[in-house]
Amino acid sequence: MKSIWTTHYENNEIKVENTWFNGERLYVNGILQDEKTSLFSSNLTGHLINANNQRENIKVSLFGYVKIKCSLFINDKKIEVIQEK
């Protein structure tokens, strides 16, 4: 089973993927920034460049057992994500 969450932040596309067998991945503008393999929860990190050409840090938490949930933070501010799949 595969779950995908996406959001747009300024001019950046952020995508988080979770699969049962291949782990979790964080993509920013189509570029893989972090990946991990975990059973029940995982934390991913990355960054993006904002409209002011400044670096902003990304944190992602994936958690759950049967139904996986995703929380995404940019510079410690929670950003809403949409579950696509």
Protein backbone atom coordinates (compact mmCIF):
# COMPACT_ATOMS: atom_id res chain seq x y z
CA MET A 1 0.00 0.00 0.00
CA LYS A 2 1.22 3.48 -0.86
CA SER A 3 0.16 6.82 0.63
CA ILE A 4 1.04 10.20 -0.88
CA TRP A 5 0.61 13.68 0.61
CA THR A 6 1.29 16.92 -1.26
CA THR A 7 1.30 20.63 -0.68
CA HIS A 8 2.54 23.79 -2.36
CA TYR A 9 4.47 26.36 -0.37
CA GLU A 10 5.24 29.58 -2.21
CA ASN A 11 6.64 28.26 -5.53
CA ASN A 12 7.68 24.86 -4.17
CA GLU A 13 5.94 21.50 -4.47
CA ILE A 14 6.41 19.18 -1.48
CA LYS A 15 5.51 15.50 -1.71
CA VAL A 16 5.71 12.84 0.99
CA GLU A 17 5.40 9.14 0.10
CA ASN A 18 4.89 6.22 2.46
CA THR A 19 4.96 2.58 1.36
CA TRP A 20 4.81 -0.61 3.39
CA PHE A 21 7.91 -2.15 1.83
CA ASN A 22 10.02 0.75 0.54
CA GLY A 23 9.76 3.18 3.46
CA GLU A 24 9.14 6.93 3.47
CA ARG A 25 10.43 9.63 1.14
CA LEU A 26 10.40 13.44 1.09
CA TYR A 27 10.57 15.22 -2.27
CA VAL A 28 10.89 18.97 -2.84
CA ASN A 29 10.32 20.06 -6.43
CA GLY A 30 10.77 16.46 -7.55
CA ILE A 31 14.16 16.06 -5.83
CA LEU A 32 14.51 13.40 -3.14
CA GLN A 33 15.71 15.04 0.10
CA ASP A 34 15.27 12.29 2.70
CA GLU A 35 14.21 8.66 2.95
CA LYS A 36 13.84 6.22 5.82
CA THR A 37 12.46 2.79 6.56
CA SER A 38 10.46 2.37 9.75
CA LEU A 39 7.52 0.29 10.98
CA PHE A 40 5.37 2.62 13.06
CA SER A 41 6.64 6.19 12.82
CA SER A 42 9.24 8.17 10.94
CA ASN A 43 10.71 11.66 10.80
CA LEU A 44 11.99 13.15 7.56
CA THR A 45 13.89 16.42 7.10
CA GLY A 46 14.68 18.65 4.17
CA HIS A 47 14.75 22.26 3.07
CA LEU A 48 13.53 24.62 0.38
CA ILE A 49 14.45 28.06 -0.91
CA ASN A 50 11.65 30.60 -0.43
CA ALA A 51 10.67 33.58 -2.60
CA ASN A 52 13.23 35.75 -0.75
CA ASN A 53 15.99 33.28 -1.68
CA GLN A 54 16.28 32.13 1.95
CA ARG A 55 16.58 28.55 3.13
CA GLU A 56 13.65 27.18 5.17
CA ASN A 57 13.76 23.87 7.03
CA ILE A 58 11.16 21.14 6.52
CA LYS A 59 10.20 18.51 9.11
CA VAL A 60 7.79 15.67 8.39
CA SER A 61 6.33 13.22 10.90
CA LEU A 62 4.59 10.06 9.73
CA PHE A 63 2.78 8.03 12.36
CA GLY A 64 0.14 5.38 12.80
CA TYR A 65 -0.28 1.66 12.33
CA VAL A 66 -3.22 0.86 10.07
CA LYS A 67 -3.94 4.40 8.84
CA ILE A 68 -0.82 6.54 8.42
CA LYS A 69 -1.03 10.26 9.17
CA CYS A 70 1.34 12.99 8.02
CA SER A 71 2.33 16.26 9.72
CA LEU A 72 4.52 18.75 7.88
CA PHE A 73 6.27 21.79 9.37
CA ILE A 74 8.24 24.52 7.64
CA ASN A 75 10.39 26.56 10.03
CA ASP A 76 8.34 25.12 12.91
CA LYS A 77 5.00 26.27 11.42
CA LYS A 78 2.47 23.55 10.60
CA ILE A 79 1.51 23.39 6.93
CA GLU A 80 -1.59 21.58 5.73
CA VAL A 81 -1.04 18.64 3.41
CA ILE A 82 -3.54 16.91 1.14
CA GLN A 83 -3.58 13.13 0.99
CA GLU A 84 -3.63 12.26 -2.70
CA LYS A 85 -3.56 8.50 -2.33
